[in-house]
Amino acid sequence: QKMPEDITSEIESSFKLLDSKFVAVRSSATAEDGAEHAWAGQLESYLNVTEESVLDKVKHCWASLFTPRAIFYRFEKFGKETHLQKISVAVVVQKMVESEKSGIAFSVHPVTEDYNQLIIEAGLGLGEAIVSGAITPDSYVVEKIPRRIIDKNIVTQTRGMFRGETGGSEWHEVPKEHGEPPSLSDEQIFELSELILKIENHYGFPCDVEWAFDQNKFFIVQSRPIT
């Protein structure tokens, strides 16, 4: 189905303003994430998208609201009231961070439920590999008060997901000298911990955060309530 002309021209002109060869195209449903339900993983997101394919990927994001997986999820959450739920899909187009390393973090330890602990998971390359469960990340447990690292679980990483030359994502082997050491230094763990706590304090509830690290800088790419 053809996209309306006004939306097409808006996306094309806005893409140029981003001044980036590659972008991330991410779905965000209006009823997406709350304390009772989380749409993460139900709708599509696309990484390393180029100008040539951005319109197509936006359409794919809209269409992902009607995949069997998303429809079943709605039925699971809303039951017979599913048809009454007015759910729309916004699509976020943002500059792509070419992650040297990335991962997820929980501002409250999701297993022990200890509010004085946060946990960071980290790996080399794009965070998609961790979120999908394709690689086992390093994990670091940080105590909030007093601020200290109380546990580290380091995993040797043999492969990672990285940007392909013409866009998209592809698997690359990770050399042993890069895959064996911890993904984050202690200094980086503390720096990221401060960001996670700022986010938790801002929202006033425990948060599940996706992050990326590129050129000595952390980027927060998503945050939602822990469900």
C-alpha atoms as a PDB file:
ATOM      1  CA  GLN A   1       0.000   0.000   0.000  1.00  0.00           C
ATOM      2  CA  LYS A   2       1.265   3.473  -0.918  1.00  0.00           C
ATOM      3  CA  MET A   3       2.277   5.837   1.851  1.00  0.00           C
ATOM      4  CA  PRO A   4       0.499   9.238   1.826  1.00  0.00           C
ATOM      5  CA  GLU A   5       2.542  11.851  -0.068  1.00  0.00           C
ATOM      6  CA  ASP A   6       2.713  14.344   2.820  1.00  0.00           C
ATOM      7  CA  ILE A   7       4.192  11.712   5.167  1.00  0.00           C
ATOM      8  CA  THR A   8       6.613  10.539   2.463  1.00  0.00           C
ATOM      9  CA  SER A   9       7.969  14.045   1.840  1.00  0.00           C
ATOM     10  CA  GLU A  10       8.181  14.774   5.593  1.00  0.00           C
ATOM     11  CA  ILE A  11      10.239  11.621   6.217  1.00  0.00           C
ATOM     12  CA  GLU A  12      12.523  12.282   3.231  1.00  0.00           C
ATOM     13  CA  SER A  13      13.246  15.898   4.213  1.00  0.00           C
ATOM     14  CA  SER A  14      13.687  15.016   7.899  1.00  0.00           C
ATOM     15  CA  PHE A  15      16.087  12.195   7.000  1.00  0.00           C
ATOM     16  CA  LYS A  16      18.405  14.734   5.368  1.00  0.00           C
ATOM     17  CA  LEU A  17      18.315  16.910   8.503  1.00  0.00           C
ATOM     18  CA  LEU A  18      19.639  13.984  10.567  1.00  0.00           C
ATOM     19  CA  ASP A  19      22.841  14.144   8.498  1.00  0.00           C
ATOM     20  CA  SER A  20      23.477  10.431   9.015  1.00  0.00           C
ATOM     21  CA  LYS A  21      24.060   7.702   6.463  1.00  0.00           C
ATOM     22  CA  PHE A  22      22.480   5.065   8.702  1.00  0.00           C
ATOM     23  CA  VAL A  23      19.446   5.283  11.000  1.00  0.00           C
ATOM     24  CA  ALA A  24      17.482   3.068  13.369  1.00  0.00           C
ATOM     25  CA  VAL A  25      13.762   2.710  12.606  1.00  0.00           C
ATOM     26  CA  ARG A  26      11.945   1.715  15.783  1.00  0.00           C
ATOM     27  CA  SER A  27       8.284   0.912  16.486  1.00  0.00           C
ATOM     28  CA  SER A  28       6.586   2.528  19.455  1.00  0.00           C
ATOM     29  CA  ALA A  29       2.942   1.575  20.062  1.00  0.00           C
ATOM     30  CA  THR A  30       0.742   4.075  21.901  1.00  0.00           C
ATOM     31  CA  ALA A  31      -0.196   1.393  24.437  1.00  0.00           C
ATOM     32  CA  GLU A  32       3.304  -0.019  24.343  1.00  0.00           C
ATOM     33  CA  ASP A  33       4.944  -0.172  27.736  1.00  0.00           C
ATOM     34  CA  GLY A  34       3.324   0.119  31.115  1.00  0.00           C
ATOM     35  CA  ALA A  35       3.513  -1.610  34.456  1.00  0.00           C
ATOM     36  CA  GLU A  36       1.087  -4.270  33.206  1.00  0.00           C
ATOM     37  CA  HIS A  37       2.414  -4.972  29.726  1.00  0.00           C
ATOM     38  CA  ALA A  38       5.466  -4.447  27.548  1.00  0.00           C
ATOM     39  CA  TRP A  39       5.330  -4.480  23.766  1.00  0.00           C
ATOM     40  CA  ALA A  40       9.113  -4.748  23.449  1.00  0.00           C
ATOM     41  CA  GLY A  41       9.905  -7.476  20.956  1.00  0.00           C
ATOM     42  CA  GLN A  42       6.307  -7.718  19.690  1.00  0.00           C
ATOM     43  CA  LEU A  43       6.767  -4.993  17.049  1.00  0.00           C
ATOM     44  CA  GLU A  44       9.558  -4.617  14.516  1.00  0.00           C
ATOM     45  CA  SER A  45      12.672  -2.446  14.705  1.00  0.00           C
ATOM     46  CA  TYR A  46      15.316  -2.100  12.004  1.00  0.00           C
ATOM     47  CA  LEU A  47      18.943  -1.064  12.444  1.00  0.00           C
ATOM     48  CA  ASN A  48      21.459   0.462  10.010  1.00  0.00           C
ATOM     49  CA  VAL A  49      18.729   1.541   7.587  1.00  0.00           C
ATOM     50  CA  THR A  50      19.767   3.702   4.619  1.00  0.00           C
ATOM     51  CA  GLU A  51      17.888   6.564   2.926  1.00  0.00           C
ATOM     52  CA  GLU A  52      16.901   4.258   0.049  1.00  0.00           C
ATOM     53  CA  SER A  53      15.043   1.830   2.320  1.00  0.00           C
ATOM     54  CA  VAL A  54      13.744   4.073   5.130  1.00  0.00           C
ATOM     55  CA  LEU A  55      10.194   4.452   3.715  1.00  0.00           C
ATOM     56  CA  ASP A  56       9.885   0.705   3.256  1.00  0.00           C
ATOM     57  CA  LYS A  57      11.046   0.043   6.832  1.00  0.00           C
ATOM     58  CA  VAL A  58       8.588   2.594   8.279  1.00  0.00           C
ATOM     59  CA  LYS A  59       5.778   0.724   6.485  1.00  0.00           C
ATOM     60  CA  HIS A  60       7.074  -2.573   7.881  1.00  0.00           C
ATOM     61  CA  CYS A  61       6.945  -1.086  11.405  1.00  0.00           C
ATOM     62  CA  TRP A  62       3.309  -0.032  10.940  1.00  0.00           C
ATOM     63  CA  ALA A  63       2.430  -3.428   9.489  1.00  0.00           C
ATOM     64  CA  SER A  64       4.044  -5.272  12.415  1.00  0.00           C
ATOM     65  CA  LEU A  65       1.038  -4.310  14.573  1.00  0.00           C
ATOM     66  CA  PHE A  66      -0.914  -6.886  12.569  1.00  0.00           C
ATOM     67  CA  THR A  67       1.463  -9.864  12.654  1.00  0.00           C
ATOM     68  CA  PRO A  68       0.116 -13.035  14.332  1.00  0.00           C
ATOM     69  CA  ARG A  69       2.553 -12.465  17.217  1.00  0.00           C
ATOM     70  CA  ALA A  70       1.318  -8.910  17.920  1.00  0.00           C
ATOM     71  CA  ILE A  71      -2.357  -9.851  17.527  1.00  0.00           C
ATOM     72  CA  PHE A  72      -1.931 -12.796  19.918  1.00  0.00           C
ATOM     73  CA  TYR A  73      -0.145 -10.545  22.411  1.00  0.00           C
ATOM     74  CA  ARG A  74      -3.054  -8.064  22.329  1.00  0.00           C
ATOM     75  CA  PHE A  75      -5.527 -10.894  22.879  1.00  0.00           C
ATOM     76  CA  GLU A  76      -3.442 -12.236  25.801  1.00  0.00           C
ATOM     77  CA  LYS A  77      -3.384  -8.800  27.460  1.00  0.00           C
ATOM     78  CA  PHE A  78      -6.842  -7.481  26.678  1.00  0.00           C
ATOM     79  CA  GLY A  79      -8.890 -10.642  26.014  1.00  0.00           C
ATOM     80  CA  LYS A  80     -12.322  -9.985  24.522  1.00  0.00           C
ATOM     81  CA  GLU A  81     -11.726  -6.249  24.931  1.00  0.00           C
ATOM     82  CA  THR A  82      -8.960  -6.385  22.265  1.00  0.00           C
ATOM     83  CA  HIS A  83     -11.200  -4.802  19.607  1.00  0.00           C
ATOM     84  CA  LEU A  84     -11.883  -1.844  21.933  1.00  0.00           C
ATOM     85  CA  GLN A  85      -8.203  -1.023  22.357  1.00  0.00           C
ATOM     86  CA  LYS A  86      -7.241   1.839  20.064  1.00  0.00           C
ATOM     87  CA  ILE A  87      -3.568   1.121  19.443  1.00  0.00           C
ATOM     88  CA  SER A  88      -1.497   3.089  16.955  1.00  0.00           C
ATOM     89  CA  VAL A  89       2.135   2.722  16.001  1.00  0.00           C
ATOM     90  CA  ALA A  90       4.471   5.688  16.037  1.00  0.00           C
ATOM     91  CA  VAL A  91       7.762   5.082  14.259  1.00  0.00           C
ATOM     92  CA  VAL A  92      10.904   6.695  15.617  1.00  0.00           C
ATOM     93  CA  VAL A  93      13.727   7.332  13.132  1.00  0.00           C
ATOM     94  CA  GLN A  94      16.954   8.158  14.938  1.00  0.00           C
ATOM     95  CA  LYS A  95      20.649   8.405  14.122  1.00  0.00           C
ATOM     96  CA  MET A  96      22.303   5.025  14.318  1.00  0.00           C
ATOM     97  CA  VAL A  97      24.962   4.646  16.988  1.00  0.00           C
ATOM     98  CA  GLU A  98      27.685   2.381  15.598  1.00  0.00           C
ATOM     99  CA  SER A  99      28.155   0.571  18.881  1.00  0.00           C
ATOM    100  CA  GLU A 100      31.593  -0.638  19.877  1.00  0.00           C
ATOM    101  CA  LYS A 101      29.734  -2.241  22.771  1.00  0.00           C
ATOM    102  CA  SER A 102      26.181  -2.157  24.018  1.00  0.00           C
ATOM    103  CA  GLY A 103      23.710  -3.861  26.252  1.00  0.00           C
ATOM    104  CA  ILE A 104      20.877  -3.575  28.698  1.00  0.00           C
ATOM    105  CA  ALA A 105      20.591  -2.590  32.341  1.00  0.00           C
ATOM    106  CA  PHE A 106      18.018  -2.893  35.121  1.00  0.00           C
ATOM    107  CA  SER A 107      17.935  -0.230  37.807  1.00  0.00           C
ATOM    108  CA  VAL A 108      16.658  -2.850  40.264  1.00  0.00           C
ATOM    109  CA  HIS A 109      18.087  -6.391  40.193  1.00  0.00           C
ATOM    110  CA  PRO A 110      15.319  -8.340  38.381  1.00  0.00           C
ATOM    111  CA  VAL A 111      16.170 -11.672  40.056  1.00  0.00           C
ATOM    112  CA  THR A 112      16.862 -10.737  43.689  1.00  0.00           C
ATOM    113  CA  GLU A 113      14.489  -7.720  43.475  1.00  0.00           C
ATOM    114  CA  ASP A 114      16.961  -5.919  45.733  1.00  0.00           C
ATOM    115  CA  TYR A 115      16.283  -2.180  45.309  1.00  0.00           C
ATOM    116  CA  ASN A 116      19.839  -1.380  46.388  1.00  0.00           C
ATOM    117  CA  GLN A 117      21.305  -3.299  43.438  1.00  0.00           C
ATOM    118  CA  LEU A 118      21.349  -2.581  39.716  1.00  0.00           C
ATOM    119  CA  ILE A 119      22.610  -4.914  37.036  1.00  0.00           C
ATOM    120  CA  ILE A 120      24.346  -4.130  33.740  1.00  0.00           C
ATOM    121  CA  GLU A 121      24.719  -6.588  30.861  1.00  0.00           C
ATOM    122  CA  ALA A 122      27.287  -5.773  28.191  1.00  0.00           C
ATOM    123  CA  GLY A 123      28.726  -7.175  24.978  1.00  0.00           C
ATOM    124  CA  LEU A 124      30.679  -6.123  21.888  1.00  0.00           C
ATOM    125  CA  GLY A 125      28.776  -4.847  18.846  1.00  0.00           C
ATOM    126  CA  LEU A 126      25.056  -4.097  18.529  1.00  0.00           C
ATOM    127  CA  GLY A 127      22.718  -4.662  21.480  1.00  0.00           C
ATOM    128  CA  GLU A 128      20.287  -6.561  19.255  1.00  0.00           C
ATOM    129  CA  ALA A 129      22.452  -9.667  19.808  1.00  0.00           C
ATOM    130  CA  ILE A 130      21.970  -9.441  23.591  1.00  0.00           C
ATOM    131  CA  VAL A 131      18.277  -8.479  23.520  1.00  0.00           C
ATOM    132  CA  SER A 132      17.493 -11.423  21.226  1.00  0.00           C
ATOM    133  CA  GLY A 133      19.467 -13.824  23.436  1.00  0.00           C
ATOM    134  CA  ALA A 134      21.863 -14.715  20.592  1.00  0.00           C
ATOM    135  CA  ILE A 135      24.933 -14.039  22.759  1.00  0.00           C
ATOM    136  CA  THR A 136      25.555 -14.345  26.484  1.00  0.00           C
ATOM    137  CA  PRO A 137      26.728 -10.955  27.791  1.00  0.00           C
ATOM    138  CA  ASP A 138      29.024  -9.982  30.637  1.00  0.00           C
ATOM    139  CA  SER A 139      27.024  -9.011  33.725  1.00  0.00           C
ATOM    140  CA  TYR A 140      27.971  -6.615  36.503  1.00  0.00           C
ATOM    141  CA  VAL A 141      26.046  -6.114  39.742  1.00  0.00           C
ATOM    142  CA  VAL A 142      26.437  -2.685  41.325  1.00  0.00           C
ATOM    143  CA  GLU A 143      25.358  -1.769  44.841  1.00  0.00           C
ATOM    144  CA  LYS A 144      23.790   1.702  44.968  1.00  0.00           C
ATOM    145  CA  ILE A 145      24.678   2.648  48.571  1.00  0.00           C
ATOM    146  CA  PRO A 146      27.584   2.469  49.077  1.00  0.00           C
ATOM    147  CA  ARG A 147      28.378   2.649  45.327  1.00  0.00           C
ATOM    148  CA  ARG A 148      30.506  -0.417  44.566  1.00  0.00           C
ATOM    149  CA  ILE A 149      30.742  -3.321  42.129  1.00  0.00           C
ATOM    150  CA  ILE A 150      29.816  -6.449  44.073  1.00  0.00           C
ATOM    151  CA  ASP A 151      29.778  -9.077  41.325  1.00  0.00           C
ATOM    152  CA  LYS A 152      31.161  -9.621  37.811  1.00  0.00           C
ATOM    153  CA  ASN A 153      30.445 -12.457  35.431  1.00  0.00           C
ATOM    154  CA  ILE A 154      32.754 -12.204  32.402  1.00  0.00           C
ATOM    155  CA  VAL A 155      31.989 -14.251  29.294  1.00  0.00           C
ATOM    156  CA  THR A 156      34.431 -14.726  26.406  1.00  0.00           C
ATOM    157  CA  GLN A 157      32.657 -13.386  23.307  1.00  0.00           C
ATOM    158  CA  THR A 158      33.458 -15.189  20.054  1.00  0.00           C
ATOM    159  CA  ARG A 159      31.103 -13.317  17.713  1.00  0.00           C
ATOM    160  CA  GLY A 160      29.104 -10.112  17.610  1.00  0.00           C
ATOM    161  CA  MET A 161      26.569  -8.291  15.473  1.00  0.00           C
ATOM    162  CA  PHE A 162      27.949  -5.305  13.575  1.00  0.00           C
ATOM    163  CA  ARG A 163      26.900  -2.984  10.737  1.00  0.00           C
ATOM    164  CA  GLY A 164      27.208  -4.427   7.246  1.00  0.00           C
ATOM    165  CA  GLU A 165      29.085  -2.405   4.602  1.00  0.00           C
ATOM    166  CA  THR A 166      25.905  -1.525   2.713  1.00  0.00           C
ATOM    167  CA  GLY A 167      23.610  -1.341   5.744  1.00  0.00           C
ATOM    168  CA  GLY A 168      21.765  -3.880   7.833  1.00  0.00           C
ATOM    169  CA  SER A 169      23.456  -6.004  10.496  1.00  0.00           C
ATOM    170  CA  GLU A 170      25.690  -9.037  10.156  1.00  0.00           C
ATOM    171  CA  TRP A 171      27.613 -11.431  12.381  1.00  0.00           C
ATOM    172  CA  HIS A 172      31.397 -11.035  12.646  1.00  0.00           C
ATOM    173  CA  GLU A 173      33.882 -13.221  14.484  1.00  0.00           C
ATOM    174  CA  VAL A 174      35.436 -11.472  17.511  1.00  0.00           C
ATOM    175  CA  PRO A 175      39.211 -12.093  17.931  1.00  0.00           C
ATOM    176  CA  LYS A 176      40.160 -13.723  21.244  1.00  0.00           C
ATOM    177  CA  GLU A 177      42.159 -10.677  22.421  1.00  0.00           C
ATOM    178  CA  HIS A 178      38.992  -8.546  22.119  1.00  0.00           C
ATOM    179  CA  GLY A 179      36.434 -11.106  23.245  1.00  0.00           C
ATOM    180  CA  GLU A 180      38.201 -12.326  26.390  1.00  0.00           C
ATOM    181  CA  PRO A 181      38.578  -9.142  28.526  1.00  0.00           C
ATOM    182  CA  PRO A 182      35.567  -7.547  30.287  1.00  0.00           C
ATOM    183  CA  SER A 183      33.396  -5.512  27.897  1.00  0.00           C
ATOM    184  CA  LEU A 184      33.339  -2.565  30.342  1.00  0.00           C
ATOM    185  CA  SER A 185      36.056  -1.189  32.613  1.00  0.00           C
ATOM    186  CA  ASP A 186      35.220  -0.402  36.242  1.00  0.00           C
ATOM    187  CA  GLU A 187      35.244   3.297  35.373  1.00  0.00           C
ATOM    188  CA  GLN A 188      32.710   2.711  32.572  1.00  0.00           C
ATOM    189  CA  ILE A 189      30.529   0.565  34.854  1.00  0.00           C
ATOM    190  CA  PHE A 190      30.333   3.424  37.382  1.00  0.00           C
ATOM    191  CA  GLU A 191      29.678   6.020  34.646  1.00  0.00           C
ATOM    192  CA  LEU A 192      26.811   3.954  33.198  1.00  0.00           C
ATOM    193  CA  SER A 193      25.450   3.254  36.694  1.00  0.00           C
ATOM    194  CA  GLU A 194      25.095   7.003  37.287  1.00  0.00           C
ATOM    195  CA  LEU A 195      23.080   7.368  34.065  1.00  0.00           C
ATOM    196  CA  ILE A 196      20.804   4.468  34.993  1.00  0.00           C
ATOM    197  CA  LEU A 197      20.133   5.940  38.437  1.00  0.00           C
ATOM    198  CA  LYS A 198      19.407   9.364  36.918  1.00  0.00           C
ATOM    199  CA  ILE A 199      16.805   7.722  34.678  1.00  0.00           C
ATOM    200  CA  GLU A 200      15.269   5.815  37.603  1.00  0.00           C
ATOM    201  CA  ASN A 201      15.123   8.988  39.716  1.00  0.00           C
ATOM    202  CA  HIS A 202      13.594  10.939  36.830  1.00  0.00           C
ATOM    203  CA  TYR A 203      10.740   8.469  36.295  1.00  0.00           C
ATOM    204  CA  GLY A 204      10.320   7.408  39.908  1.00  0.00           C
ATOM    205  CA  PHE A 205      10.134   3.679  39.150  1.00  0.00           C
ATOM    206  CA  PRO A 206      12.564   0.829  38.336  1.00  0.00           C
ATOM    207  CA  CYS A 207      13.717   1.010  34.698  1.00  0.00           C
ATOM    208  CA  ASP A 208      14.846  -1.399  32.008  1.00  0.00           C
ATOM    209  CA  VAL A 209      17.365   0.481  29.856  1.00  0.00           C
ATOM    210  CA  GLU A 210      19.021  -0.221  26.498  1.00  0.00           C
ATOM    211  CA  TRP A 211      22.374   1.503  25.991  1.00  0.00           C
ATOM    212  CA  ALA A 212      25.176   1.793  23.438  1.00  0.00           C
ATOM    213  CA  PHE A 213      28.786   2.970  23.666  1.00  0.00           C
ATOM    214  CA  ASP A 214      30.616   4.642  20.787  1.00  0.00           C
ATOM    215  CA  GLN A 215      33.681   6.913  20.647  1.00  0.00           C
ATOM    216  CA  ASN A 216      34.047   7.103  24.427  1.00  0.00           C
ATOM    217  CA  LYS A 217      30.431   8.072  25.006  1.00  0.00           C
ATOM    218  CA  PHE A 218      27.355   6.284  26.361  1.00  0.00           C
ATOM    219  CA  PHE A 219      24.034   6.643  24.545  1.00  0.00           C
ATOM    220  CA  ILE A 220      20.704   5.643  26.070  1.00  0.00           C
ATOM    221  CA  VAL A 221      18.544   4.323  23.231  1.00  0.00           C
ATOM    222  CA  GLN A 222      15.502   3.168  25.175  1.00  0.00           C
ATOM    223  CA  SER A 223      14.047   3.114  28.680  1.00  0.00           C
ATOM    224  CA  ARG A 224      10.856   1.564  29.991  1.00  0.00           C
ATOM    225  CA  PRO A 225       9.403   0.293  33.277  1.00  0.00           C
ATOM    226  CA  ILE A 226      10.608  -3.104  34.438  1.00  0.00           C
ATOM    227  CA  THR A 227       7.625  -5.408  33.964  1.00  0.00           C
END
